[in-house]
């Protein structure tokens, strides 16, 4: 292989690496965006279901459906908070740096 061919191959590999890095950045941004929006959706749904349960005419303690919906709303809210928090860029970057590589 001549030096010119080696230089052309090196330039080709650099271009491919740049394209892969750009694709990786777009994919990571897309995942974080969807994760954040899913978290916010679960937050809103959890809050609305919980307030709906609180509007029940009667005691919640004697209504197993209201109790179940209340627990589901609490867990939905907590999972939404978890998703929204972990999708923030500083925390996501920290996780990606410390996560074990397989």
C-alpha atoms as a PDB file:
ATOM      1  CA  UNK A   1       0.000   0.000   0.000  1.00  0.00           C
ATOM      2  CA  UNK A   2       1.291   3.393  -0.890  1.00  0.00           C
ATOM      3  CA  UNK A   3       1.258   6.353   1.421  1.00  0.00           C
ATOM      4  CA  UNK A   4      -1.512   8.027  -0.603  1.00  0.00           C
ATOM      5  CA  UNK A   5      -3.740   4.966  -0.284  1.00  0.00           C
ATOM      6  CA  UNK A   6      -3.112   4.854   3.452  1.00  0.00           C
ATOM      7  CA  UNK A   7      -3.951   8.553   3.732  1.00  0.00           C
ATOM      8  CA  UNK A   8      -7.189   8.047   1.732  1.00  0.00           C
ATOM      9  CA  UNK A   9      -8.157   5.109   3.933  1.00  0.00           C
ATOM     10  CA  UNK A  10      -7.460   7.145   7.069  1.00  0.00           C
ATOM     11  CA  UNK A  11      -9.615  10.019   5.790  1.00  0.00           C
ATOM     12  CA  UNK A  12     -12.409   7.572   4.969  1.00  0.00           C
ATOM     13  CA  UNK A  13     -12.245   6.082   8.473  1.00  0.00           C
ATOM     14  CA  UNK A  14     -12.294   9.551  10.044  1.00  0.00           C
ATOM     15  CA  UNK A  15     -15.401  10.457   8.013  1.00  0.00           C
ATOM     16  CA  UNK A  16     -17.134   7.231   9.050  1.00  0.00           C
ATOM     17  CA  UNK A  17     -16.247   7.860  12.697  1.00  0.00           C
ATOM     18  CA  UNK A  18     -17.641  11.391  12.517  1.00  0.00           C
ATOM     19  CA  UNK A  19     -20.867  10.079  10.968  1.00  0.00           C
ATOM     20  CA  UNK A  20     -21.205   7.427  13.686  1.00  0.00           C
ATOM     21  CA  UNK A  21     -20.603   9.979  16.442  1.00  0.00           C
ATOM     22  CA  UNK A  22     -23.257  12.265  14.992  1.00  0.00           C
ATOM     23  CA  UNK A  23     -25.739   9.390  14.715  1.00  0.00           C
ATOM     24  CA  UNK A  24     -24.965   8.365  18.302  1.00  0.00           C
ATOM     25  CA  UNK A  25     -25.592  11.910  19.556  1.00  0.00           C
ATOM     26  CA  UNK A  26     -28.918  12.102  17.704  1.00  0.00           C
ATOM     27  CA  UNK A  27     -29.997   8.713  19.046  1.00  0.00           C
ATOM     28  CA  UNK A  28     -29.088   9.631  22.616  1.00  0.00           C
ATOM     29  CA  UNK A  29     -30.935  12.947  22.317  1.00  0.00           C
ATOM     30  CA  UNK A  30     -33.989  11.110  20.947  1.00  0.00           C
ATOM     31  CA  UNK A  31     -34.020   8.604  23.799  1.00  0.00           C
ATOM     32  CA  UNK A  32     -33.674  11.329  26.402  1.00  0.00           C
ATOM     33  CA  UNK A  33     -36.437  13.361  24.759  1.00  0.00           C
ATOM     34  CA  UNK A  34     -38.860  10.417  24.741  1.00  0.00           C
ATOM     35  CA  UNK A  35     -37.923   9.428  28.270  1.00  0.00           C
ATOM     36  CA  UNK A  36     -38.496  12.976  29.553  1.00  0.00           C
ATOM     37  CA  UNK A  37     -41.833  13.311  27.757  1.00  0.00           C
ATOM     38  CA  UNK A  38     -42.984   9.912  29.009  1.00  0.00           C
ATOM     39  CA  UNK A  39     -42.050  10.989  32.538  1.00  0.00           C
ATOM     40  CA  UNK A  40     -44.048  14.191  32.241  1.00  0.00           C
ATOM     41  CA  UNK A  41     -47.012  12.275  30.816  1.00  0.00           C
ATOM     42  CA  UNK A  42     -46.927   9.836  33.732  1.00  0.00           C
ATOM     43  CA  UNK A  43     -46.666  12.755  36.161  1.00  0.00           C
ATOM     44  CA  UNK A  44     -49.782  14.386  34.735  1.00  0.00           C
ATOM     45  CA  UNK A  45     -51.706  11.108  34.570  1.00  0.00           C
ATOM     46  CA  UNK A  46     -50.730  10.160  38.111  1.00  0.00           C
ATOM     47  CA  UNK A  47     -51.768  13.532  39.494  1.00  0.00           C
ATOM     48  CA  UNK A  48     -55.067  13.583  37.596  1.00  0.00           C
ATOM     49  CA  UNK A  49     -55.998  10.035  38.629  1.00  0.00           C
ATOM     50  CA  UNK A  50     -55.073  10.762  42.244  1.00  0.00           C
ATOM     51  CA  UNK A  51     -57.180  13.927  42.332  1.00  0.00           C
ATOM     52  CA  UNK A  52     -59.987  11.995  40.663  1.00  0.00           C
ATOM     53  CA  UNK A  53     -59.814   9.408  43.420  1.00  0.00           C
ATOM     54  CA  UNK A  54     -59.918  12.155  46.036  1.00  0.00           C
ATOM     55  CA  UNK A  55     -63.171  13.441  44.484  1.00  0.00           C
ATOM     56  CA  UNK A  56     -64.965  10.136  45.172  1.00  0.00           C
ATOM     57  CA  UNK A  57     -68.212  10.592  47.076  1.00  0.00           C
ATOM     58  CA  UNK A  58     -67.656   8.311  50.022  1.00  0.00           C
ATOM     59  CA  UNK A  59     -64.827   6.871  52.012  1.00  0.00           C
ATOM     60  CA  UNK A  60     -61.807   5.746  50.056  1.00  0.00           C
ATOM     61  CA  UNK A  61     -60.957   3.203  52.749  1.00  0.00           C
ATOM     62  CA  UNK A  62     -64.165   1.265  52.062  1.00  0.00           C
ATOM     63  CA  UNK A  63     -63.835   1.328  48.277  1.00  0.00           C
ATOM     64  CA  UNK A  64     -61.269  -1.175  46.970  1.00  0.00           C
ATOM     65  CA  UNK A  65     -61.373   0.267  43.436  1.00  0.00           C
ATOM     66  CA  UNK A  66     -60.573   3.760  44.721  1.00  0.00           C
ATOM     67  CA  UNK A  67     -57.753   2.385  46.854  1.00  0.00           C
ATOM     68  CA  UNK A  68     -56.304   0.508  43.886  1.00  0.00           C
ATOM     69  CA  UNK A  69     -56.542   3.545  41.623  1.00  0.00           C
ATOM     70  CA  UNK A  70     -54.937   5.674  44.334  1.00  0.00           C
ATOM     71  CA  UNK A  71     -51.983   3.292  44.621  1.00  0.00           C
ATOM     72  CA  UNK A  72     -51.645   3.102  40.843  1.00  0.00           C
ATOM     73  CA  UNK A  73     -51.674   6.906  40.687  1.00  0.00           C
ATOM     74  CA  UNK A  74     -48.956   7.161  43.336  1.00  0.00           C
ATOM     75  CA  UNK A  75     -46.713   4.661  41.560  1.00  0.00           C
ATOM     76  CA  UNK A  76     -47.387   6.320  38.202  1.00  0.00           C
ATOM     77  CA  UNK A  77     -46.400   9.673  39.701  1.00  0.00           C
ATOM     78  CA  UNK A  78     -43.215   8.259  41.259  1.00  0.00           C
ATOM     79  CA  UNK A  79     -42.209   6.498  38.045  1.00  0.00           C
ATOM     80  CA  UNK A  80     -42.858   9.721  36.124  1.00  0.00           C
ATOM     81  CA  UNK A  81     -40.621  11.662  38.526  1.00  0.00           C
ATOM     82  CA  UNK A  82     -37.935   8.984  38.141  1.00  0.00           C
ATOM     83  CA  UNK A  83     -38.070   9.114  34.337  1.00  0.00           C
ATOM     84  CA  UNK A  84     -38.097  12.905  34.224  1.00  0.00           C
ATOM     85  CA  UNK A  85     -35.154  13.149  36.625  1.00  0.00           C
ATOM     86  CA  UNK A  86     -32.997  10.519  34.927  1.00  0.00           C
ATOM     87  CA  UNK A  87     -33.588  12.059  31.504  1.00  0.00           C
ATOM     88  CA  UNK A  88     -31.983  15.376  32.470  1.00  0.00           C
ATOM     89  CA  UNK A  89     -28.767  15.826  30.528  1.00  0.00           C
ATOM     90  CA  UNK A  90     -26.260  16.175  33.434  1.00  0.00           C
ATOM     91  CA  UNK A  91     -27.584  13.111  35.195  1.00  0.00           C
ATOM     92  CA  UNK A  92     -27.821  11.090  31.973  1.00  0.00           C
ATOM     93  CA  UNK A  93     -24.237  12.007  31.040  1.00  0.00           C
ATOM     94  CA  UNK A  94     -23.029  10.950  34.465  1.00  0.00           C
ATOM     95  CA  UNK A  95     -24.852   7.634  34.206  1.00  0.00           C
ATOM     96  CA  UNK A  96     -23.502   6.945  30.731  1.00  0.00           C
ATOM     97  CA  UNK A  97     -19.951   7.577  31.913  1.00  0.00           C
ATOM     98  CA  UNK A  98     -20.233   5.305  34.970  1.00  0.00           C
ATOM     99  CA  UNK A  99     -22.336   2.528  33.417  1.00  0.00           C
ATOM    100  CA  UNK A 100     -20.434  -0.711  32.860  1.00  0.00           C
ATOM    101  CA  UNK A 101     -19.607  -1.538  29.250  1.00  0.00           C
ATOM    102  CA  UNK A 102     -20.571  -5.020  28.131  1.00  0.00           C
END
